[in-house]
Amino acid sequence: MIIINLDVMMARRKINLTDLAEKVDITQANLSILKNGKGKAIRFSTLEKLCRTLECQPGDILEFVEGNENVH
């Protein structure tokens, strides 16, 4: 299962959903879906923008966890 740690990175960088959505050029609704782990996919271009804006690596946002997929 893939865990999205976007909320963790946002807290570390002290950026809110509105500001991040604007900087990454994604709707707040879509960013919220991703942040809450409800998304089914992410474009590499979006991941790249998130990493650039949050000054992090993809592995800081995405995490693979072995186990039950119904946890989230």
N, C-alpha and C. Protein backbone atom coordinates (compact mmCIF):
# COMPACT_ATOMS: atom_id res chain seq x y z
N MET A 1 0.84 -1.17 0.00
CA MET A 1 0.00 0.00 0.00
C MET A 1 0.90 1.24 0.00
N ILE A 2 0.47 2.27 -0.70
CA ILE A 2 1.21 3.52 -0.77
C ILE A 2 0.55 4.53 0.17
N ILE A 3 1.36 5.09 1.05
CA ILE A 3 0.91 6.11 1.99
C ILE A 3 1.36 7.47 1.46
N ILE A 4 0.47 8.44 1.51
CA ILE A 4 0.80 9.80 1.09
C ILE A 4 1.10 10.62 2.34
N ASN A 5 2.31 11.12 2.44
CA ASN A 5 2.74 11.91 3.60
C ASN A 5 2.77 13.40 3.28
N LEU A 6 1.89 13.81 2.39
CA LEU A 6 1.88 15.22 1.99
C LEU A 6 1.56 16.14 3.16
N ASP A 7 0.65 15.75 4.03
CA ASP A 7 0.31 16.57 5.18
C ASP A 7 1.50 16.77 6.11
N VAL A 8 2.33 15.74 6.23
CA VAL A 8 3.54 15.83 7.06
C VAL A 8 4.51 16.85 6.47
N MET A 9 4.72 16.75 5.15
CA MET A 9 5.65 17.68 4.50
C MET A 9 5.11 19.11 4.54
N MET A 10 3.81 19.27 4.39
CA MET A 10 3.22 20.60 4.46
C MET A 10 3.42 21.21 5.85
N ALA A 11 3.25 20.41 6.87
CA ALA A 11 3.46 20.89 8.24
C ALA A 11 4.92 21.25 8.47
N ARG A 12 5.83 20.44 7.98
CA ARG A 12 7.26 20.71 8.14
C ARG A 12 7.66 22.02 7.45
N ARG A 13 7.04 22.28 6.31
CA ARG A 13 7.37 23.48 5.53
C ARG A 13 6.48 24.67 5.88
N LYS A 14 5.53 24.43 6.80
CA LYS A 14 4.62 25.48 7.25
C LYS A 14 3.90 26.15 6.08
N ILE A 15 3.29 25.32 5.24
CA ILE A 15 2.53 25.82 4.11
C ILE A 15 1.12 25.23 4.18
N ASN A 16 0.14 26.06 3.89
CA ASN A 16 -1.24 25.56 3.95
C ASN A 16 -1.70 25.07 2.57
N LEU A 17 -2.84 24.43 2.56
CA LEU A 17 -3.38 23.83 1.35
C LEU A 17 -3.59 24.85 0.25
N THR A 18 -4.13 26.00 0.61
CA THR A 18 -4.41 27.05 -0.38
C THR A 18 -3.14 27.52 -1.06
N ASP A 19 -2.12 27.82 -0.27
CA ASP A 19 -0.85 28.32 -0.84
C ASP A 19 -0.16 27.26 -1.68
N LEU A 20 -0.15 26.02 -1.19
CA LEU A 20 0.50 24.95 -1.95
C LEU A 20 -0.23 24.70 -3.26
N ALA A 21 -1.54 24.68 -3.22
CA ALA A 21 -2.32 24.46 -4.45
C ALA A 21 -2.00 25.53 -5.48
N GLU A 22 -1.89 26.76 -5.03
CA GLU A 22 -1.58 27.86 -5.94
C GLU A 22 -0.19 27.72 -6.54
N LYS A 23 0.79 27.38 -5.71
CA LYS A 23 2.17 27.26 -6.18
C LYS A 23 2.37 26.08 -7.12
N VAL A 24 1.61 25.01 -6.90
CA VAL A 24 1.76 23.79 -7.71
C VAL A 24 0.81 23.82 -8.91
N ASP A 25 -0.11 24.79 -8.92
CA ASP A 25 -1.09 24.92 -9.99
C ASP A 25 -1.99 23.70 -10.09
N ILE A 26 -2.60 23.37 -8.96
CA ILE A 26 -3.55 22.26 -8.86
C ILE A 26 -4.74 22.78 -8.03
N THR A 27 -5.92 22.28 -8.28
CA THR A 27 -7.07 22.76 -7.52
C THR A 27 -6.93 22.33 -6.06
N GLN A 28 -7.51 23.13 -5.18
CA GLN A 28 -7.49 22.78 -3.76
C GLN A 28 -8.20 21.46 -3.53
N ALA A 29 -9.27 21.22 -4.28
CA ALA A 29 -10.02 19.96 -4.13
C ALA A 29 -9.15 18.76 -4.47
N ASN A 30 -8.43 18.83 -5.58
CA ASN A 30 -7.57 17.72 -5.98
C ASN A 30 -6.39 17.54 -5.03
N LEU A 31 -5.84 18.64 -4.55
CA LEU A 31 -4.74 18.55 -3.60
C LEU A 31 -5.23 17.95 -2.28
N SER A 32 -6.42 18.31 -1.88
CA SER A 32 -7.01 17.78 -0.65
C SER A 32 -7.23 16.27 -0.77
N ILE A 33 -7.71 15.82 -1.92
CA ILE A 33 -7.89 14.39 -2.16
C ILE A 33 -6.57 13.66 -2.03
N LEU A 34 -5.54 14.22 -2.62
CA LEU A 34 -4.20 13.62 -2.55
C LEU A 34 -3.70 13.63 -1.11
N LYS A 35 -3.83 14.76 -0.43
CA LYS A 35 -3.35 14.91 0.95
C LYS A 35 -4.02 13.93 1.90
N ASN A 36 -5.29 13.66 1.66
CA ASN A 36 -6.05 12.77 2.53
C ASN A 36 -5.94 11.30 2.14
N GLY A 37 -5.08 11.00 1.17
CA GLY A 37 -4.86 9.61 0.78
C GLY A 37 -5.99 8.99 0.00
N LYS A 38 -6.86 9.80 -0.58
CA LYS A 38 -8.01 9.29 -1.32
C LYS A 38 -7.75 9.21 -2.82
N GLY A 39 -6.63 9.77 -3.27
CA GLY A 39 -6.30 9.76 -4.69
C GLY A 39 -5.88 8.38 -5.18
N LYS A 40 -6.12 8.13 -6.44
CA LYS A 40 -5.76 6.84 -7.04
C LYS A 40 -4.49 6.93 -7.87
N ALA A 41 -4.07 8.16 -8.20
CA ALA A 41 -2.90 8.33 -9.05
C ALA A 41 -2.36 9.75 -8.85
N ILE A 42 -1.12 9.94 -9.26
CA ILE A 42 -0.51 11.27 -9.27
C ILE A 42 0.37 11.36 -10.51
N ARG A 43 0.27 12.47 -11.19
CA ARG A 43 1.11 12.69 -12.37
C ARG A 43 2.53 12.99 -11.91
N PHE A 44 3.49 12.52 -12.68
CA PHE A 44 4.88 12.82 -12.35
C PHE A 44 5.12 14.32 -12.37
N SER A 45 4.47 15.04 -13.26
CA SER A 45 4.65 16.50 -13.31
C SER A 45 4.14 17.15 -12.03
N THR A 46 3.05 16.65 -11.48
CA THR A 46 2.52 17.17 -10.22
C THR A 46 3.46 16.83 -9.07
N LEU A 47 3.95 15.59 -9.05
CA LEU A 47 4.89 15.17 -8.02
C LEU A 47 6.16 16.01 -8.07
N GLU A 48 6.62 16.29 -9.28
CA GLU A 48 7.81 17.13 -9.45
C GLU A 48 7.58 18.53 -8.89
N LYS A 49 6.42 19.12 -9.18
CA LYS A 49 6.10 20.45 -8.67
C LYS A 49 5.99 20.45 -7.15
N LEU A 50 5.38 19.41 -6.60
CA LEU A 50 5.27 19.30 -5.14
C LEU A 50 6.66 19.23 -4.52
N CYS A 51 7.52 18.40 -5.09
CA CYS A 51 8.89 18.25 -4.55
C CYS A 51 9.67 19.55 -4.66
N ARG A 52 9.51 20.23 -5.78
CA ARG A 52 10.22 21.50 -5.97
C ARG A 52 9.73 22.54 -4.94
N THR A 53 8.42 22.64 -4.79
CA THR A 53 7.84 23.62 -3.89
C THR A 53 8.14 23.31 -2.43
N LEU A 54 8.05 22.03 -2.05
CA LEU A 54 8.28 21.62 -0.67
C LEU A 54 9.75 21.33 -0.37
N GLU A 55 10.59 21.45 -1.40
CA GLU A 55 12.03 21.18 -1.27
C GLU A 55 12.27 19.82 -0.63
N CYS A 56 11.75 18.79 -1.29
CA CYS A 56 11.87 17.43 -0.78
C CYS A 56 12.04 16.44 -1.92
N GLN A 57 12.16 15.18 -1.58
CA GLN A 57 12.27 14.10 -2.55
C GLN A 57 10.93 13.37 -2.63
N PRO A 58 10.65 12.67 -3.74
CA PRO A 58 9.40 11.91 -3.86
C PRO A 58 9.18 10.96 -2.68
N GLY A 59 10.25 10.37 -2.18
CA GLY A 59 10.15 9.45 -1.04
C GLY A 59 9.73 10.12 0.26
N ASP A 60 9.83 11.45 0.30
CA ASP A 60 9.36 12.18 1.47
C ASP A 60 7.83 12.30 1.44
N ILE A 61 7.25 12.20 0.26
CA ILE A 61 5.81 12.33 0.08
C ILE A 61 5.13 10.97 -0.03
N LEU A 62 5.76 10.06 -0.76
CA LEU A 62 5.20 8.73 -1.00
C LEU A 62 5.95 7.68 -0.20
N GLU A 63 5.22 6.78 0.42
CA GLU A 63 5.83 5.73 1.22
C GLU A 63 5.11 4.41 0.95
N PHE A 64 5.88 3.36 0.71
CA PHE A 64 5.31 2.02 0.53
C PHE A 64 5.31 1.29 1.86
N VAL A 65 4.13 0.76 2.22
CA VAL A 65 3.99 0.00 3.46
C VAL A 65 3.37 -1.35 3.12
N GLU A 66 4.05 -2.39 3.52
CA GLU A 66 3.54 -3.74 3.33
C GLU A 66 2.41 -3.97 4.31
N GLY A 67 1.31 -4.54 3.84
CA GLY A 67 0.25 -4.87 4.77
C GLY A 67 -1.14 -4.64 4.22
N ASN A 68 -2.06 -4.49 5.14
CA ASN A 68 -3.48 -4.38 4.83
C ASN A 68 -3.79 -3.08 4.10
N GLU A 69 -4.44 -3.19 2.94
CA GLU A 69 -4.75 -2.01 2.13
C GLU A 69 -5.97 -1.27 2.66
N ASN A 70 -6.67 -1.79 3.63
CA ASN A 70 -7.85 -1.14 4.15
C ASN A 70 -7.55 -0.27 5.38
N VAL A 71 -6.27 -0.10 5.71
CA VAL A 71 -5.87 0.67 6.88
C VAL A 71 -6.25 2.13 6.72
N HIS A 72 -6.01 2.71 5.55
CA HIS A 72 -6.23 4.13 5.32
C HIS A 72 -7.64 4.37 5.07
